[in-house]
């Protein structure tokens, strides 16, 4: 079941809604810690010498989603780090995106490092299907924020903004609300 979801998300098998399968996979491993290392093993297998560039890139995006949602076990963490290091840019660019495998692996390293420093993910819940779809298609995620006057504003968050801070978000909201800094 987990492996089938990975294959469908990577477009190795057909499914009309592959992002829903990625969501199901990440959510299940988030809820059931015993499945986490098995999930990482499958993903390492699928991103090792994968002849399909599209499938390989989607596999790396799925590793990123998993790492940003739940940490690997202690032993798997080192195996995963070795796999990431073999592909990631040795001189990472802070603004690397998800457009190619090397940049995506670099993003995986950053999120792996953060997860290891914190002892787990900063997320309180798995990413939504919409977030996964936005990452998959490299589109912004619309964030709806309630304003003090009872209205709402929409702020688009880029999926590659894994280092966005609350200050960054506050600035975007301020811009959208046309609030000027003094």
Protein backbone atom coordinates (compact mmCIF):
# COMPACT_ATOMS: atom_id res chain seq x y z
CA UNK A 1 0.00 0.00 0.00
CA UNK A 2 2.76 2.51 0.92
CA UNK A 3 4.88 1.49 -2.05
CA UNK A 4 1.90 1.69 -4.42
CA UNK A 5 1.23 5.25 -3.21
CA UNK A 6 4.86 6.18 -3.87
CA UNK A 7 4.76 4.67 -7.38
CA UNK A 8 1.55 6.51 -8.23
CA UNK A 9 2.81 9.84 -6.90
CA UNK A 10 5.98 9.41 -8.96
CA UNK A 11 3.84 8.72 -12.06
CA UNK A 12 5.27 5.18 -12.33
CA UNK A 13 1.66 3.96 -12.13
CA UNK A 14 -1.46 5.83 -13.10
CA UNK A 15 -3.74 7.42 -10.53
CA UNK A 16 -6.06 10.35 -11.32
CA UNK A 17 -5.14 12.18 -8.08
CA UNK A 18 -1.51 11.39 -7.18
CA UNK A 19 -1.27 14.21 -4.61
CA UNK A 20 -4.00 12.55 -2.54
CA UNK A 21 -1.90 9.37 -2.41
CA UNK A 22 1.15 11.36 -1.30
CA UNK A 23 -0.99 12.95 1.41
CA UNK A 24 -2.27 9.53 2.48
CA UNK A 25 1.30 8.17 2.63
CA UNK A 26 2.71 11.08 4.65
CA UNK A 27 -0.30 11.18 6.98
CA UNK A 28 -0.17 7.44 7.65
CA UNK A 29 3.55 7.46 8.43
CA UNK A 30 3.03 10.55 10.62
CA UNK A 31 0.31 8.73 12.56
CA UNK A 32 2.13 5.37 12.72
CA UNK A 33 5.80 5.87 13.66
CA UNK A 34 6.65 2.22 12.89
CA UNK A 35 6.01 2.93 9.19
CA UNK A 36 8.40 5.87 8.96
CA UNK A 37 11.67 4.05 8.31
CA UNK A 38 9.99 1.68 5.84
CA UNK A 39 8.70 4.74 3.99
CA UNK A 40 12.20 6.24 3.85
CA UNK A 41 13.61 2.89 2.63
CA UNK A 42 11.10 2.81 -0.24
CA UNK A 43 11.91 6.42 -1.12
CA UNK A 44 15.65 5.80 -1.09
CA UNK A 45 15.10 2.85 -3.41
CA UNK A 46 12.95 4.94 -5.74
CA UNK A 47 15.47 7.81 -5.92
CA UNK A 48 18.57 5.69 -6.46
CA UNK A 49 19.52 5.48 -10.13
CA UNK A 50 15.96 6.19 -11.22
CA UNK A 51 16.09 6.44 -15.04
CA UNK A 52 13.05 8.75 -15.22
CA UNK A 53 13.91 12.40 -14.44
CA UNK A 54 10.27 13.25 -13.60
CA UNK A 55 9.83 10.23 -11.33
CA UNK A 56 13.15 10.88 -9.62
CA UNK A 57 12.32 14.53 -8.94
CA UNK A 58 8.90 13.60 -7.56
CA UNK A 59 10.56 11.00 -5.32
CA UNK A 60 12.86 13.68 -3.91
CA UNK A 61 9.89 15.97 -3.34
CA UNK A 62 8.24 13.16 -1.40
CA UNK A 63 11.38 12.73 0.72
CA UNK A 64 11.18 16.46 1.44
CA UNK A 65 7.51 16.21 2.42
CA UNK A 66 8.24 13.28 4.72
CA UNK A 67 11.23 14.97 6.36
CA UNK A 68 9.24 18.14 6.91
CA UNK A 69 6.50 16.09 8.58
CA UNK A 70 8.24 13.34 10.59
CA UNK A 71 11.83 12.43 11.41
CA UNK A 72 13.52 9.18 10.48
CA UNK A 73 14.58 6.77 13.21
CA UNK A 74 18.07 7.14 14.64
CA UNK A 75 19.76 4.57 12.37
CA UNK A 76 17.72 5.53 9.31
CA UNK A 77 18.71 9.17 9.83
CA UNK A 78 22.33 8.35 8.96
CA UNK A 79 21.36 6.20 5.96
CA UNK A 80 19.11 8.98 4.71
CA UNK A 81 21.80 11.61 5.25
CA UNK A 82 24.24 9.56 3.18
CA UNK A 83 21.66 9.26 0.39
CA UNK A 84 20.94 13.00 0.46
CA UNK A 85 24.64 13.93 0.59
CA UNK A 86 25.35 11.88 -2.52
CA UNK A 87 22.99 14.11 -4.52
CA UNK A 88 22.73 17.49 -2.76
CA UNK A 89 24.78 20.53 -3.67
CA UNK A 90 27.90 20.59 -1.45
CA UNK A 91 27.62 24.39 -1.38
CA UNK A 92 23.93 24.88 -0.83
CA UNK A 93 22.19 27.96 -2.12
CA UNK A 94 19.77 29.28 0.48
CA UNK A 95 17.29 30.03 -2.27
CA UNK A 96 17.44 26.68 -4.05
CA UNK A 97 14.03 25.63 -5.26
CA UNK A 98 12.41 22.38 -6.29
CA UNK A 99 13.08 22.60 -10.02
CA UNK A 100 15.68 19.86 -10.18
CA UNK A 101 16.86 16.86 -8.19
CA UNK A 102 20.04 18.47 -6.88
CA UNK A 103 18.26 21.55 -5.50
CA UNK A 104 15.47 19.41 -4.04
CA UNK A 105 18.02 17.12 -2.36
CA UNK A 106 19.68 20.25 -0.97
CA UNK A 107 16.32 21.32 0.47
CA UNK A 108 16.02 17.79 1.93
CA UNK A 109 19.37 18.24 3.65
CA UNK A 110 18.26 21.52 5.21
CA UNK A 111 15.03 20.05 6.52
CA UNK A 112 16.86 16.87 7.68
CA UNK A 113 19.31 19.01 9.64
CA UNK A 114 16.50 21.03 11.23
CA UNK A 115 14.59 17.86 12.16
CA UNK A 116 17.69 16.34 13.77
CA UNK A 117 18.42 19.53 15.73
CA UNK A 118 14.83 19.74 17.00
CA UNK A 119 14.40 16.03 17.53
CA UNK A 120 11.50 15.99 15.08
CA UNK A 121 9.43 18.02 12.68
CA UNK A 122 8.12 21.47 13.45
CA UNK A 123 4.79 20.58 11.86
CA UNK A 124 1.80 19.92 14.07
CA UNK A 125 0.05 18.00 11.28
CA UNK A 126 0.84 16.55 7.87
CA UNK A 127 0.72 18.83 4.83
CA UNK A 128 -2.65 19.17 3.14
CA UNK A 129 -3.39 17.80 -0.31
CA UNK A 130 -3.31 21.41 -1.55
CA UNK A 131 0.18 21.96 -0.11
CA UNK A 132 1.41 18.75 -1.70
CA UNK A 133 -0.12 19.70 -5.03
CA UNK A 134 1.47 23.16 -4.84
CA UNK A 135 4.89 21.63 -4.18
CA UNK A 136 4.40 19.05 -6.93
CA UNK A 137 3.42 21.69 -9.47
CA UNK A 138 5.69 24.46 -8.08
CA UNK A 139 2.72 26.76 -7.46
CA UNK A 140 2.11 29.05 -4.47
CA UNK A 141 -0.11 27.95 -1.58
CA UNK A 142 -2.87 30.49 -0.89
CA UNK A 143 -3.09 31.35 2.80
CA UNK A 144 -6.34 32.98 3.96
CA UNK A 145 -5.82 35.29 6.96
CA UNK A 146 -8.55 36.94 8.99
CA UNK A 147 -8.01 40.67 9.51
CA UNK A 148 -8.91 42.67 12.65
CA UNK A 149 -11.89 44.22 10.84
CA UNK A 150 -13.41 40.77 10.27
CA UNK A 151 -12.41 40.56 6.62
CA UNK A 152 -9.92 38.23 5.00
CA UNK A 153 -6.82 38.68 2.92
CA UNK A 154 -5.08 36.10 0.79
CA UNK A 155 -1.31 35.73 0.90
CA UNK A 156 0.45 33.38 -1.49
CA UNK A 157 3.25 31.36 0.12
CA UNK A 158 5.79 29.77 -2.17
CA UNK A 159 6.27 26.06 -1.42
CA UNK A 160 10.05 26.50 -1.61
CA UNK A 161 9.92 28.99 1.28
CA UNK A 162 10.91 26.39 3.87
CA UNK A 163 12.81 29.01 5.81
CA UNK A 164 9.97 31.52 6.00
CA UNK A 165 9.79 33.05 9.46
CA UNK A 166 6.86 34.69 11.23
CA UNK A 167 8.56 38.03 10.56
CA UNK A 168 8.54 37.22 6.82
CA UNK A 169 4.86 36.29 7.01
CA UNK A 170 4.05 39.43 9.00
CA UNK A 171 5.77 41.51 6.34
CA UNK A 172 3.78 39.83 3.55
CA UNK A 173 0.52 40.38 5.45
CA UNK A 174 1.48 44.01 6.11
CA UNK A 175 2.16 44.54 2.41
CA UNK A 176 -1.16 42.97 1.48
CA UNK A 177 -3.01 45.15 4.02
CA UNK A 178 -1.03 48.21 2.86
CA UNK A 179 0.39 48.83 6.33
CA UNK A 180 3.51 50.97 6.22
CA UNK A 181 6.46 50.51 8.55
CA UNK A 182 7.68 53.50 10.52
